[in-house]
Amino acid sequence: MVEATPESLQPARLPPLHWVSPLRSEEYAEFRDGAALRKLGLGEHARALTEFWPRRGPVWDGLALAGGAVVLVEPKAHVTEFLTSPSAATAPESVAQIACALRQVKADLGADDRSEWSRVFFQYANRLAFLWWLRARGIDAHCLFVSFLGDTEMGGPEHAETWEALFRAADHALGLSPRHPLRPYILHVHPDLRELEKP
């Protein structure tokens, strides 16, 4: 889709996206950790990332450049994909490192300290954590949530308002205010699969 219909994934607030993953020429490979940073031209930050988050961190479904900005992309087609499980980390050092990272992010964003980011909407929470980490390092980073409409096979939402309500609920569960500091760097598009599948 990033090569066939890139306009369907283009957020209005950014320059045209230059996709670096997933690409047909790389068999649609997806990247994580230092490999993801290198795809974005940020390989010099790979060592620092290991100090923030354990290895085998989030796998990014899409990565793009937009002018001088980098864009982390997370797609979803139905609600149950968004209702993710708690953190699966079991090694004590990994659990402690994730907890430390999330405490930093929560404090900086002014989130309610009682919210449990490692248990509720954990995938969404760790995407916000990575966005925060990049911006804290002076990188013009954005996170693009691609929320598809019309996935009839899985009963996905038909209207963008459903996704918008779900993201508001997730922010509330994470103790985030509607105007938290990362808000300007979180983008949403809602491609309609029914339109994309037309011949």
Protein backbone atom coordinates (compact mmCIF):
# COMPACT_ATOMS: atom_id res chain seq x y z
CA MET A 1 0.00 0.00 0.00
CA VAL A 2 2.83 2.43 0.76
CA GLU A 3 3.94 2.07 -2.86
CA ALA A 4 0.58 1.50 -4.58
CA THR A 5 -1.56 4.18 -2.88
CA PRO A 6 0.76 6.39 -0.79
CA GLU A 7 -1.73 9.26 -0.94
CA SER A 8 -4.14 7.27 1.27
CA LEU A 9 -1.56 7.32 4.07
CA GLN A 10 -0.47 10.94 3.75
CA PRO A 11 -1.23 13.13 6.80
CA ALA A 12 -2.18 16.69 5.91
CA ARG A 13 0.22 18.26 8.40
CA LEU A 14 3.43 16.76 6.98
CA PRO A 15 5.36 17.09 3.72
CA PRO A 16 5.03 14.11 1.34
CA LEU A 17 6.13 10.91 3.02
CA HIS A 18 9.14 9.04 1.68
CA TRP A 19 8.62 5.47 2.80
CA VAL A 20 11.66 3.47 3.87
CA SER A 21 9.68 0.46 5.18
CA PRO A 22 7.91 -1.75 4.25
CA LEU A 23 9.18 -1.99 0.68
CA ARG A 24 8.59 -4.63 -1.98
CA SER A 25 12.31 -4.60 -2.77
CA GLU A 26 12.97 -5.76 0.80
CA GLU A 27 10.12 -8.31 0.78
CA TYR A 28 8.10 -5.97 3.01
CA ALA A 29 10.44 -6.47 5.95
CA GLU A 30 9.61 -4.65 9.18
CA PHE A 31 12.23 -3.31 11.57
CA ARG A 32 12.82 -2.78 15.26
CA ASP A 33 15.46 -1.41 17.63
CA GLY A 34 18.70 -0.20 16.02
CA ALA A 35 17.70 -1.56 12.62
CA ALA A 36 14.64 0.71 12.60
CA LEU A 37 16.77 3.69 13.58
CA ARG A 38 19.23 2.95 10.79
CA LYS A 39 16.41 2.83 8.24
CA LEU A 40 15.52 6.36 9.38
CA GLY A 41 19.13 7.56 9.15
CA LEU A 42 19.46 7.60 12.95
CA GLY A 43 21.91 4.77 13.46
CA GLU A 44 24.08 6.89 15.75
CA HIS A 45 21.32 6.71 18.38
CA ALA A 46 21.13 2.90 18.46
CA ARG A 47 23.37 2.45 21.49
CA ALA A 48 21.45 5.04 23.48
CA LEU A 49 18.19 3.24 22.68
CA THR A 50 19.43 0.12 24.48
CA GLU A 51 19.83 2.24 27.61
CA PHE A 52 16.20 3.36 27.37
CA TRP A 53 14.42 0.16 26.32
CA PRO A 54 15.31 -3.56 26.28
CA ARG A 55 16.31 -5.25 23.07
CA ARG A 56 13.54 -6.77 20.95
CA GLY A 57 11.40 -3.69 21.38
CA PRO A 58 8.46 -2.63 19.19
CA VAL A 59 8.39 -3.79 15.59
CA TRP A 60 7.39 -0.87 13.38
CA ASP A 61 4.88 -1.70 10.64
CA GLY A 62 5.99 1.37 8.73
CA LEU A 63 8.79 3.93 8.74
CA ALA A 64 8.95 7.10 6.69
CA LEU A 65 10.76 10.40 6.25
CA ALA A 66 8.94 13.70 5.74
CA GLY A 67 11.27 16.55 4.92
CA GLY A 68 13.54 16.71 7.96
CA ALA A 69 11.17 14.67 10.13
CA VAL A 70 10.97 10.94 10.85
CA VAL A 71 7.64 9.14 11.07
CA LEU A 72 6.85 5.98 13.02
CA VAL A 73 3.77 4.25 11.62
CA GLU A 74 1.29 1.98 13.41
CA PRO A 75 -1.72 0.61 11.45
CA LYS A 76 -4.87 -0.97 12.82
CA ALA A 77 -7.92 -2.37 11.00
CA HIS A 78 -10.21 -3.37 13.86
CA VAL A 79 -10.73 -2.51 17.52
CA THR A 80 -9.42 -5.74 19.03
CA GLU A 81 -6.01 -5.04 17.45
CA PHE A 82 -5.83 -1.90 19.56
CA LEU A 83 -6.81 -3.63 22.81
CA THR A 84 -3.39 -5.15 23.30
CA SER A 85 -2.12 -7.37 26.09
CA PRO A 86 0.08 -6.16 28.95
CA SER A 87 3.85 -6.16 28.57
CA ALA A 88 5.17 -9.66 27.91
CA ALA A 89 8.58 -8.94 29.43
CA THR A 90 9.54 -11.50 32.08
CA ALA A 91 13.28 -11.02 32.65
CA PRO A 92 13.65 -8.91 35.81
CA GLU A 93 16.10 -6.51 34.18
CA SER A 94 13.77 -5.96 31.21
CA VAL A 95 10.75 -5.44 33.45
CA ALA A 96 12.71 -2.89 35.49
CA GLN A 97 14.03 -1.09 32.40
CA ILE A 98 10.56 -0.79 30.87
CA ALA A 99 9.12 0.44 34.16
CA CYS A 100 11.86 3.08 34.43
CA ALA A 101 11.29 4.24 30.84
CA LEU A 102 7.55 4.51 31.31
CA ARG A 103 7.97 6.45 34.56
CA GLN A 104 10.13 9.00 32.74
CA VAL A 105 7.61 9.40 29.94
CA LYS A 106 4.61 9.62 32.27
CA ALA A 107 6.30 12.24 34.42
CA ASP A 108 7.31 14.39 31.46
CA LEU A 109 3.84 14.19 29.90
CA GLY A 110 2.11 14.96 33.19
CA ALA A 111 0.22 11.65 33.16
CA ASP A 112 -1.67 10.50 36.23
CA ASP A 113 0.88 8.54 38.25
CA ARG A 114 -1.74 5.91 39.08
CA SER A 115 -2.05 4.84 35.44
CA GLU A 116 -0.36 1.52 34.64
CA TRP A 117 1.17 1.86 31.21
CA SER A 118 2.68 -1.63 31.22
CA ARG A 119 -0.76 -3.20 31.72
CA VAL A 120 -3.32 -1.07 29.88
CA PHE A 121 -3.06 -0.29 26.14
CA PHE A 122 0.59 -1.31 26.37
CA GLN A 123 1.31 -1.25 22.65
CA TYR A 124 -0.07 2.27 22.34
CA ALA A 125 1.87 3.27 25.46
CA ASN A 126 5.18 1.97 24.15
CA ARG A 127 4.64 3.74 20.82
CA LEU A 128 4.21 6.98 22.74
CA ALA A 129 7.31 6.15 24.78
CA PHE A 130 9.44 5.75 21.65
CA LEU A 131 8.08 8.96 20.18
CA TRP A 132 8.92 10.73 23.44
CA TRP A 133 12.45 9.27 23.46
CA LEU A 134 13.19 10.44 19.93
CA ARG A 135 11.90 13.94 20.58
CA ALA A 136 13.81 14.11 23.88
CA ARG A 137 16.96 13.53 21.81
CA GLY A 138 16.17 16.51 19.61
CA ILE A 139 14.81 14.49 16.69
CA ASP A 140 11.79 15.85 14.82
CA ALA A 141 9.74 12.68 15.21
CA HIS A 142 6.05 12.00 14.64
CA CYS A 143 3.86 8.94 15.14
CA LEU A 144 1.26 8.21 12.48
CA PHE A 145 -1.65 5.97 13.41
CA VAL A 146 -3.29 4.48 10.32
CA SER A 147 -6.79 3.40 11.39
CA PHE A 148 -8.53 1.63 8.54
CA LEU A 149 -12.25 1.82 7.89
CA GLY A 150 -14.49 -0.86 6.42
CA ASP A 151 -12.68 -4.09 7.33
CA THR A 152 -15.81 -6.19 6.87
CA GLU A 153 -14.04 -9.51 7.47
CA MET A 154 -13.14 -8.54 11.05
CA GLY A 155 -16.02 -6.14 11.69
CA GLY A 156 -13.77 -3.09 11.82
CA PRO A 157 -15.08 0.45 12.32
CA GLU A 158 -16.93 2.08 9.47
CA HIS A 159 -16.51 5.64 10.70
CA ALA A 160 -13.47 7.66 11.75
CA GLU A 161 -15.36 8.82 14.84
CA THR A 162 -15.16 5.29 16.27
CA TRP A 163 -11.37 5.34 16.10
CA GLU A 164 -11.24 8.87 17.49
CA ALA A 165 -13.31 7.80 20.50
CA LEU A 166 -11.06 4.78 21.05
CA PHE A 167 -7.90 6.90 21.09
CA ARG A 168 -9.52 9.32 23.54
CA ALA A 169 -10.41 6.36 25.77
CA ALA A 170 -6.83 5.09 25.59
CA ASP A 171 -5.44 8.49 26.54
CA HIS A 172 -7.85 8.63 29.47
CA ALA A 173 -6.80 5.14 30.62
CA LEU A 174 -3.15 6.21 30.45
CA GLY A 175 -3.88 9.30 32.52
CA LEU A 176 -3.06 11.72 29.70
CA SER A 177 -4.71 15.08 29.33
CA PRO A 178 -6.19 16.03 25.93
CA ARG A 179 -3.37 18.58 25.53
CA HIS A 180 -0.39 16.52 26.62
CA PRO A 181 2.99 17.59 25.17
CA LEU A 182 3.19 14.86 22.51
CA ARG A 183 -0.24 15.62 21.08
CA PRO A 184 1.02 17.85 18.21
CA TYR A 185 3.28 15.04 16.99
CA ILE A 186 0.62 12.31 16.91
CA LEU A 187 -1.12 12.08 13.54
CA HIS A 188 -4.07 10.05 12.30
CA VAL A 189 -5.35 8.99 8.90
CA HIS A 190 -8.39 6.81 8.17
CA PRO A 191 -8.11 5.06 4.79
CA ASP A 192 -11.29 3.29 3.69
CA LEU A 193 -10.51 -0.26 2.59
CA ARG A 194 -13.67 -0.34 0.50
CA GLU A 195 -12.34 2.51 -1.60
CA LEU A 196 -8.84 1.09 -1.83
CA GLU A 197 -10.13 -2.28 -3.00
CA LYS A 198 -12.09 -0.85 -5.90
CA PRO A 199 -10.68 -1.88 -9.30
